[in-house]
Protein backbone atom coordinates (compact mmCIF):
# COMPACT_ATOMS: atom_id res chain seq x y z
CA MET A 1 -0.01 -0.04 -0.01
CA THR A 2 1.46 3.36 -1.04
CA LEU A 3 1.67 6.27 1.36
CA LYS A 4 -0.74 8.25 -0.80
CA LEU A 5 -3.40 5.58 -0.76
CA ARG A 6 -3.04 5.14 3.07
CA ALA A 7 -3.46 8.91 3.55
CA GLN A 8 -6.51 9.06 1.27
CA LEU A 9 -8.33 6.18 2.88
CA SER A 10 -7.35 7.27 6.43
CA LEU A 11 -8.65 10.78 5.88
CA MET A 12 -11.83 9.48 4.28
CA MET A 13 -12.51 7.23 7.44
CA PHE A 14 -11.56 10.19 9.72
CA LEU A 15 -14.13 12.50 8.14
CA GLU A 16 -16.72 9.81 7.79
CA TYR A 17 -17.05 9.27 11.51
CA PHE A 18 -16.11 12.86 12.55
CA ILE A 19 -19.21 14.01 10.78
CA LYS A 20 -21.44 11.76 12.78
CA GLY A 21 -19.72 12.31 16.02
CA ALA A 22 -20.00 16.10 15.52
CA TRP A 23 -23.77 16.18 15.88
CA PHE A 24 -25.25 12.83 16.79
CA VAL A 25 -23.71 12.51 20.29
CA THR A 26 -25.35 15.76 21.40
CA LEU A 27 -28.53 15.39 19.51
CA GLY A 28 -30.56 14.09 22.51
CA THR A 29 -29.49 17.08 24.62
CA TYR A 30 -30.33 19.48 21.82
CA LEU A 31 -33.79 17.95 21.31
CA THR A 32 -34.79 18.03 25.00
CA THR A 33 -33.19 21.38 25.92
CA ASN A 34 -33.47 23.56 22.83
CA LEU A 35 -36.39 22.00 20.86
CA LYS A 36 -38.32 20.86 23.91
CA ALA A 37 -38.95 17.46 22.28
CA THR A 38 -41.15 14.87 24.10
CA GLY A 39 -39.87 11.38 24.80
CA PHE A 40 -41.91 10.05 21.78
CA GLU A 41 -40.56 12.79 19.52
CA MET A 42 -37.05 11.84 20.53
CA ALA A 43 -37.78 8.22 19.79
CA ASN A 44 -39.24 9.08 16.39
CA ILE A 45 -36.16 11.11 15.50
CA PHE A 46 -33.62 8.54 16.80
CA SER A 47 -35.44 5.70 15.08
CA THR A 48 -34.32 7.15 11.71
CA HIS A 49 -30.96 5.75 12.43
CA SER A 50 -32.48 2.25 12.41
CA LEU A 51 -34.58 2.99 9.31
CA GLY A 52 -31.41 4.11 7.49
CA ALA A 53 -29.65 0.84 8.41
CA VAL A 54 -32.51 -1.10 6.85
CA ILE A 55 -32.74 0.96 3.67
CA ALA A 56 -28.95 1.53 3.05
CA PRO A 57 -28.31 -2.06 1.68
CA LEU A 58 -30.95 -1.41 -1.00
CA ILE A 59 -29.11 1.73 -2.12
CA MET A 60 -25.89 -0.15 -2.13
CA GLY A 61 -27.37 -2.99 -4.16
CA LEU A 62 -29.32 -0.92 -6.60
CA LEU A 63 -26.99 1.94 -7.19
CA ALA A 64 -23.39 1.45 -6.09
CA ASP A 65 -23.07 -2.16 -7.33
CA LYS A 66 -24.59 -1.47 -10.74
CA PHE A 67 -24.54 2.08 -11.99
CA PHE A 68 -22.11 4.49 -10.28
CA ASN A 69 -18.46 4.66 -9.38
CA ALA A 70 -18.32 4.26 -5.60
CA GLU A 71 -16.20 7.39 -4.98
CA ARG A 72 -18.57 9.54 -7.03
CA LEU A 73 -21.62 8.19 -5.20
CA LEU A 74 -19.84 8.88 -1.91
CA ALA A 75 -19.33 12.43 -3.01
CA ILE A 76 -22.95 12.96 -4.00
CA LEU A 77 -24.20 11.40 -0.68
CA HIS A 78 -22.05 13.86 1.27
CA PHE A 79 -22.93 16.91 -0.78
CA VAL A 80 -26.61 16.19 -0.21
CA GLY A 81 -25.86 15.31 3.46
CA ALA A 82 -24.29 18.78 3.95
CA LEU A 83 -27.44 20.39 2.66
CA LEU A 84 -29.59 18.27 4.98
CA LEU A 85 -27.37 19.15 8.05
CA LEU A 86 -27.83 22.86 7.14
CA MET A 87 -31.61 22.33 7.15
CA MET A 88 -31.29 20.63 10.53
CA TYR A 89 -29.57 23.69 11.81
CA ARG A 90 -32.43 25.90 10.59
CA SER A 91 -35.19 23.69 11.95
CA ALA A 92 -37.28 25.38 14.63
CA ASN A 93 -38.86 22.26 16.23
CA ALA A 94 -38.74 18.51 16.33
CA SER A 95 -41.40 18.10 13.71
CA ASP A 96 -39.44 20.25 11.20
CA LEU A 97 -36.24 18.36 12.03
CA TYR A 98 -37.59 14.81 11.50
CA PRO A 99 -37.74 14.53 7.70
CA PHE A 100 -34.19 15.95 7.29
CA VAL A 101 -32.75 13.45 9.81
CA LEU A 102 -34.65 10.59 8.18
CA VAL A 103 -33.32 11.33 4.69
CA TYR A 104 -29.89 12.05 6.09
CA PHE A 105 -29.51 8.71 7.83
CA ILE A 106 -30.59 6.83 4.83
CA LEU A 107 -27.81 8.51 2.85
CA TYR A 108 -25.24 8.41 5.68
CA MET A 109 -25.63 4.70 6.46
CA SER A 110 -25.16 4.11 2.74
CA SER A 111 -21.98 6.17 2.77
CA LEU A 112 -20.54 4.01 5.60
CA ALA A 113 -21.01 0.83 3.53
CA ILE A 114 -19.55 2.61 0.46
CA SER A 115 -16.50 3.93 2.31
CA ASN A 116 -15.78 0.45 3.64
CA ALA A 117 -16.15 -1.03 0.21
CA ILE A 118 -13.78 1.50 -1.32
CA ALA A 119 -11.15 0.63 1.34
CA PHE A 120 -11.55 -3.05 0.90
CA ARG A 121 -11.34 -2.83 -2.85
CA HIS A 122 -8.07 -0.89 -3.00
CA LEU A 123 -6.08 -2.40 -0.08
CA PRO A 124 -3.67 -5.11 -1.28
CA ASP A 125 -4.06 -7.12 1.93
CA ALA A 126 -7.44 -5.91 3.36
CA LYS A 127 -7.72 -8.30 6.27
CA ARG A 128 -4.40 -7.19 7.63
CA GLN A 129 -4.45 -3.53 6.56
CA PHE A 130 -8.08 -2.49 7.06
CA PRO A 131 -7.90 -2.14 10.89
CA SER A 132 -5.15 0.48 10.61
CA ILE A 133 -7.36 2.47 8.18
CA ARG A 134 -10.59 1.99 10.11
CA VAL A 135 -9.09 3.16 13.37
CA TRP A 136 -8.95 6.65 11.92
CA GLY A 137 -12.74 6.67 11.99
CA THR A 138 -12.58 6.10 15.72
CA ILE A 139 -10.03 8.94 15.97
CA GLY A 140 -12.32 11.21 14.03
CA TRP A 141 -15.23 10.51 16.44
CA ILE A 142 -12.95 11.27 19.40
CA VAL A 143 -11.64 14.49 17.90
CA SER A 144 -15.17 15.81 17.26
CA GLY A 145 -16.07 15.28 20.97
CA LEU A 146 -12.90 16.97 22.11
CA MET A 147 -13.51 20.03 19.81
CA ILE A 148 -17.15 20.37 20.97
CA SER A 149 -16.19 20.23 24.66
CA TYR A 150 -12.81 21.83 24.84
CA LEU A 151 -12.32 23.96 21.68
CA PHE A 152 -15.80 25.40 21.36
CA GLY A 153 -17.43 24.66 24.72
CA TRP A 154 -20.84 24.11 23.12
CA ASP A 155 -21.90 21.49 25.60
CA LYS A 156 -21.31 23.53 28.74
CA SER A 157 -24.44 24.17 30.72
CA ASN A 158 -24.79 27.89 29.96
CA ALA A 159 -23.92 27.35 26.35
CA VAL A 160 -26.43 24.58 26.01
CA VAL A 161 -29.25 26.88 27.42
CA LYS A 162 -28.14 29.61 24.89
CA GLY A 163 -28.60 27.20 22.01
CA PHE A 164 -24.92 26.77 21.06
CA LEU A 165 -25.38 23.09 20.39
CA LYS A 166 -27.13 24.22 17.20
CA TYR A 167 -23.67 24.90 15.76
CA THR A 168 -22.81 21.23 15.85
CA PHE A 169 -24.84 20.79 12.69
CA LEU A 170 -22.74 23.45 10.99
CA LEU A 171 -19.54 21.70 12.08
CA ALA A 172 -20.87 18.51 10.56
CA CYS A 173 -22.07 20.32 7.46
CA GLY A 174 -18.65 21.80 6.73
CA SER A 175 -17.00 18.40 7.30
CA SER A 176 -19.46 16.72 4.96
CA LEU A 177 -18.60 19.23 2.23
CA ILE A 178 -14.87 18.55 2.72
CA LEU A 179 -15.45 14.79 2.45
CA ALA A 180 -17.60 15.32 -0.62
CA ILE A 181 -14.81 17.18 -2.41
CA LEU A 182 -12.10 14.74 -1.18
CA SER A 183 -14.17 11.79 -2.50
CA PHE A 184 -13.50 12.89 -6.11
CA THR A 185 -9.76 12.35 -5.51
CA LEU A 186 -10.18 8.79 -4.22
CA PRO A 187 -9.05 5.86 -6.42
CA LYS A 188 -11.50 5.03 -9.18
CA SER A 189 -14.01 2.36 -7.99
CA PRO A 190 -16.34 1.49 -10.88
CA PRO A 191 -19.08 -1.09 -10.62
CA ILE A 192 -17.84 -4.66 -10.71
CA LYS A 193 -19.26 -6.53 -13.63
CA THR A 194 -21.11 -9.63 -12.57
CA THR A 195 -23.62 -12.07 -14.05
CA HIS A 196 -25.33 -12.61 -10.77
CA GLN A 197 -28.17 -10.14 -10.09
CA LYS A 198 -28.95 -9.70 -6.39
CA GLY A 199 -32.61 -9.61 -5.39
CA ILE A 200 -33.94 -7.47 -2.56
CA ALA A 201 -34.05 -10.54 -0.30
CA GLU A 202 -30.37 -11.17 -0.80
CA MET A 203 -29.51 -7.39 -0.34
CA LEU A 204 -31.18 -7.60 3.09
CA GLY A 205 -29.60 -10.94 3.93
CA LEU A 206 -32.95 -12.67 4.13
CA ASP A 207 -31.67 -15.70 2.15
CA ALA A 208 -29.47 -16.38 5.20
CA LEU A 209 -32.59 -17.04 7.44
CA LEU A 210 -31.93 -20.75 6.82
CA LEU A 211 -29.00 -20.47 9.22
CA LEU A 212 -31.56 -19.82 12.04
CA LYS A 213 -32.32 -23.59 11.94
CA GLN A 214 -29.08 -23.97 13.93
CA LYS A 215 -30.16 -23.47 17.49
CA ASP A 216 -26.97 -21.73 18.65
CA PHE A 217 -27.06 -19.21 15.85
CA LEU A 218 -30.73 -18.61 16.57
CA VAL A 219 -30.00 -17.88 20.23
CA PHE A 220 -27.18 -15.54 19.27
CA PHE A 221 -29.38 -13.88 16.71
CA ILE A 222 -32.18 -13.19 19.16
CA SER A 223 -29.76 -12.05 21.87
CA ALA A 224 -28.06 -9.58 19.44
CA ILE A 225 -31.45 -8.08 18.68
CA LEU A 226 -32.47 -7.84 22.28
CA ILE A 227 -29.17 -6.30 23.40
CA CYS A 228 -29.63 -3.52 20.92
CA ILE A 229 -32.56 -2.31 22.94
CA PRO A 230 -30.26 -1.21 25.82
CA LEU A 231 -27.75 0.16 23.23
CA ALA A 232 -30.41 2.56 21.97
CA PHE A 233 -30.87 3.93 25.51
CA TYR A 234 -27.16 4.92 25.53
CA TYR A 235 -27.31 6.64 22.14
CA GLN A 236 -30.51 8.44 22.94
CA GLN A 237 -30.17 9.31 26.65
CA ALA A 238 -26.49 9.31 27.70
CA ASN A 239 -25.56 12.91 26.59
CA PRO A 240 -28.76 14.44 27.92
CA TYR A 241 -28.18 12.64 31.19
CA LEU A 242 -24.63 13.72 31.67
CA THR A 243 -25.48 17.28 30.67
CA ALA A 244 -28.56 17.42 32.94
CA ILE A 245 -26.69 16.26 36.08
CA GLY A 246 -23.82 18.77 35.38
CA LEU A 247 -20.82 16.56 34.49
CA PRO A 248 -18.19 18.87 33.02
CA ASN A 249 -17.44 18.49 29.29
CA PRO A 250 -19.82 15.50 28.77
CA THR A 251 -19.22 15.13 24.98
CA ALA A 252 -15.46 14.88 25.42
CA LYS A 253 -15.88 12.36 28.22
CA MET A 254 -18.24 10.28 26.05
CA ALA A 255 -15.36 10.04 23.51
CA LEU A 256 -13.62 7.82 26.05
CA GLY A 257 -16.10 5.20 24.95
CA GLN A 258 -14.72 5.38 21.45
CA LEU A 259 -11.17 5.17 22.71
CA SER A 260 -11.89 2.07 24.71
CA GLU A 261 -13.72 0.57 21.64
CA GLY A 262 -10.55 0.93 19.65
CA LEU A 263 -8.37 -0.60 22.37
CA CYS A 264 -10.79 -3.52 23.03
CA LEU A 265 -10.85 -4.24 19.32
CA LEU A 266 -7.25 -5.33 19.70
CA LEU A 267 -8.13 -7.69 22.63
CA ILE A 268 -10.86 -9.61 20.74
CA PRO A 269 -8.54 -12.21 19.24
CA PHE A 270 -6.87 -12.83 22.68
CA PHE A 271 -10.25 -13.35 24.43
CA LEU A 272 -11.74 -15.48 21.70
CA LEU A 273 -8.63 -17.67 21.79
CA ARG A 274 -8.47 -18.06 25.55
CA LEU A 275 -12.13 -18.01 26.47
CA GLY A 276 -14.06 -19.00 23.35
CA PHE A 277 -17.05 -17.23 21.87
CA LYS A 278 -19.66 -17.90 24.56
CA LYS A 279 -17.60 -16.60 27.42
CA THR A 280 -16.39 -13.59 25.52
CA VAL A 281 -19.96 -12.63 24.69
CA ILE A 282 -21.03 -13.27 28.31
CA LEU A 283 -18.37 -10.68 29.32
CA GLY A 284 -19.87 -8.26 26.79
CA ILE A 285 -23.42 -8.56 27.92
CA SER A 286 -22.42 -8.43 31.64
CA ALA A 287 -20.64 -5.12 30.91
CA TRP A 288 -24.01 -3.71 29.67
CA VAL A 289 -25.59 -4.58 33.03
CA ILE A 290 -22.76 -3.10 35.01
CA ARG A 291 -22.66 0.04 32.87
CA TYR A 292 -26.29 0.94 33.36
CA LEU A 293 -26.17 0.13 37.13
CA LEU A 294 -23.20 2.58 37.31
CA PHE A 295 -25.25 5.17 35.43
CA ALA A 296 -28.33 4.60 37.69
CA TYR A 297 -26.37 5.11 40.99
CA GLY A 298 -23.60 7.48 39.96
CA ASN A 299 -23.54 11.28 40.05
CA ALA A 300 -21.50 14.23 38.85
CA GLY A 301 -20.02 14.78 42.35
CA ASP A 302 -18.26 12.31 44.60
CA LEU A 303 -19.49 9.28 42.47
CA ALA A 304 -18.46 10.76 39.03
CA PHE A 305 -15.94 7.93 38.74
CA MET A 306 -18.87 5.56 38.35
CA LEU A 307 -20.06 7.51 35.26
CA ILE A 308 -16.55 7.48 33.69
CA ILE A 309 -16.22 3.76 34.23
CA GLY A 310 -19.64 3.28 32.71
CA ILE A 311 -18.59 5.25 29.63
CA THR A 312 -15.23 3.51 29.35
CA LEU A 313 -17.01 0.08 29.40
CA HIS A 314 -18.33 0.95 25.95
CA GLY A 315 -15.47 -0.93 24.33
CA VAL A 316 -16.23 -4.17 26.23
CA CYS A 317 -20.00 -3.69 25.72
CA TYR A 318 -19.71 -3.21 21.92
CA ASP A 319 -16.63 -5.20 20.82
CA PHE A 320 -17.08 -8.23 23.01
CA LEU A 321 -20.56 -8.74 21.61
CA PHE A 322 -20.99 -7.16 18.16
CA VAL A 323 -17.47 -7.59 16.77
CA ALA A 324 -17.13 -11.09 18.22
CA GLY A 325 -20.60 -11.75 16.87
CA GLN A 326 -19.61 -10.74 13.40
CA MET A 327 -16.66 -13.08 13.49
CA TYR A 328 -18.84 -15.93 14.81
CA THR A 329 -21.38 -15.23 11.99
CA ASP A 330 -18.56 -15.37 9.47
CA VAL A 331 -17.61 -18.84 10.67
CA ILE A 332 -21.16 -20.17 10.96
CA ALA A 333 -22.28 -18.88 7.57
CA GLY A 334 -19.57 -20.44 5.54
CA ASP A 335 -18.79 -19.35 1.95
CA ARG A 336 -22.39 -19.67 0.74
CA TYR A 337 -24.07 -17.27 3.10
CA LYS A 338 -21.08 -15.21 4.29
CA ALA A 339 -22.16 -11.91 2.90
CA SER A 340 -25.92 -12.47 3.38
CA ALA A 341 -25.54 -13.50 6.94
CA GLN A 342 -23.51 -10.42 7.88
CA GLY A 343 -26.27 -8.31 6.19
CA LEU A 344 -28.99 -10.17 8.04
CA VAL A 345 -27.33 -9.67 11.45
CA THR A 346 -26.65 -5.98 10.71
CA VAL A 347 -30.28 -5.32 9.68
CA ALA A 348 -31.52 -7.28 12.66
CA MET A 349 -29.38 -5.40 15.19
CA TYR A 350 -29.21 -1.89 13.90
CA GLY A 351 -32.60 -2.02 12.13
CA VAL A 352 -34.99 -4.06 14.29
CA GLY A 353 -33.21 -4.14 17.62
CA MET A 354 -32.36 -0.49 17.88
CA LEU A 355 -35.65 0.61 16.39
CA ILE A 356 -37.44 -1.18 19.30
CA GLY A 357 -34.91 0.27 21.65
CA PHE A 358 -35.41 3.82 20.71
CA TRP A 359 -39.15 3.51 21.14
CA VAL A 360 -38.78 1.74 24.46
CA ALA A 361 -36.46 4.49 25.72
CA GLY A 362 -39.04 7.06 24.50
CA TYR A 363 -41.84 5.32 26.39
CA ILE A 364 -39.69 5.09 29.59
CA ALA A 365 -38.93 8.82 29.22
CA GLU A 366 -42.62 9.69 28.90
CA HIS A 367 -43.65 7.37 31.74
CA TYR A 368 -41.29 8.96 34.28
CA GLN A 369 -41.48 12.53 33.20
CA THR A 370 -43.51 13.66 36.15
CA VAL A 371 -41.07 12.43 38.84
CA ASP A 372 -38.11 14.45 40.19
CA THR A 373 -34.88 14.49 38.17
CA ALA A 374 -32.90 12.07 40.37
CA SER A 375 -35.67 9.44 40.31
CA TYR A 376 -36.21 9.98 36.56
CA TRP A 377 -32.65 9.24 35.58
CA LYS A 378 -32.29 6.35 38.09
CA ASN A 379 -35.45 4.65 36.50
CA MET A 380 -34.22 5.54 32.98
CA TRP A 381 -31.00 3.51 33.50
CA LEU A 382 -32.40 0.72 35.55
CA ALA A 383 -34.74 -0.27 32.63
CA PRO A 384 -31.83 -1.11 30.14
CA ALA A 385 -29.97 -2.84 33.06
CA TYR A 386 -32.91 -5.20 33.59
CA ILE A 387 -33.20 -5.84 29.86
CA SER A 388 -29.50 -6.61 29.65
CA ALA A 389 -29.74 -9.01 32.63
CA ILE A 390 -32.54 -10.85 30.89
CA VAL A 391 -30.49 -11.16 27.75
CA LEU A 392 -27.53 -12.43 29.80
CA VAL A 393 -29.65 -15.17 31.32
CA ILE A 394 -31.10 -16.24 27.83
CA PHE A 395 -27.61 -16.49 26.33
CA LEU A 396 -25.97 -18.06 29.39
CA PHE A 397 -28.41 -21.04 29.57
CA LEU A 398 -29.47 -21.51 25.97
CA PHE A 399 -26.33 -20.94 23.90
CA LYS A 400 -24.15 -24.17 23.92
CA ASP A 401 -21.38 -23.07 21.53
CA ARG A 402 -21.62 -26.15 19.41
CA LYS A 403 -19.75 -26.29 16.14
CA ALA A 404 -21.69 -25.36 12.96
CA SER A 405 -22.93 -28.30 10.99
């Protein structure tokens, strides 16, 4: 791999994740504080993330794989994305914001898949070299959090009240324009000629449903969907919670979760080798229970360390379940269903699981809105802790880790 190619792909990944980190982390705080959104309005807006995850494979299958150079399509998606982010900045209420977020996530989730495809296509040894490229996406997310908290101070209590979080959309908008322009300089990636025409069922991974006949894979599949319900609580409520209780620089501190995710990614092979898949996933699910209990009983004062630990556990929560799960799926699926199975698990988790999770979090927020602040947040975090504990029991007793037939 040439130095030029490494620089191009690394910058592409950096900006791809910087854009999302620049506005999505603080979205919940902006909705509740500045747009006075209800719990159900928040659920409706955050659910667009899941809808985008479901629709994105269709865009990839119908457009990127057949008609357009991948780098040109990436440029178009981010040009339009920049316009949509500008419209989010100008939206006066949650109802006005919703359609722009919906269209944006359909395009953005497609751009994630396209950026990965571009990298895999041009790396000489993708399995070995891709992690060193992908890690720049994690760095981009971290840098966006540090800029919002320490460079601009938009997430400080007085700044939030004054509406400064609105400028996060402009930060993301400018970054999206830069990536759109950069995309035209990426290596040419024309559609790959193939005689096999993918149907919609194959694009969504539905032809891999036959794998659910294997009991262990079915248990993992159901567990992965269910654990995405607590995951949705984190995305939707973590930043509003940390801001509301007065934890300094909450956006920057949440970037610790991305840092731990990058570090834990390196530990996955070690734990899988030493413990096996089942015990590794059990550690991941257990971390979800511990994290939400820490959130429920921590505070911004003498127990602030509990919140920091809860944030830092994100790497164990995410990598030890989702990344390990992707590796397990790759083994179980075999050559025949390899791509379809990954698509099926992705749609199930980020589409179905998180969609349910956003709405459950919205319902919990509405249900406890009349209680005092301390009780509200305690109940908000105990709910996903209980759900995670149920998933842990299901996986612990039903998954046997038998070899695939």
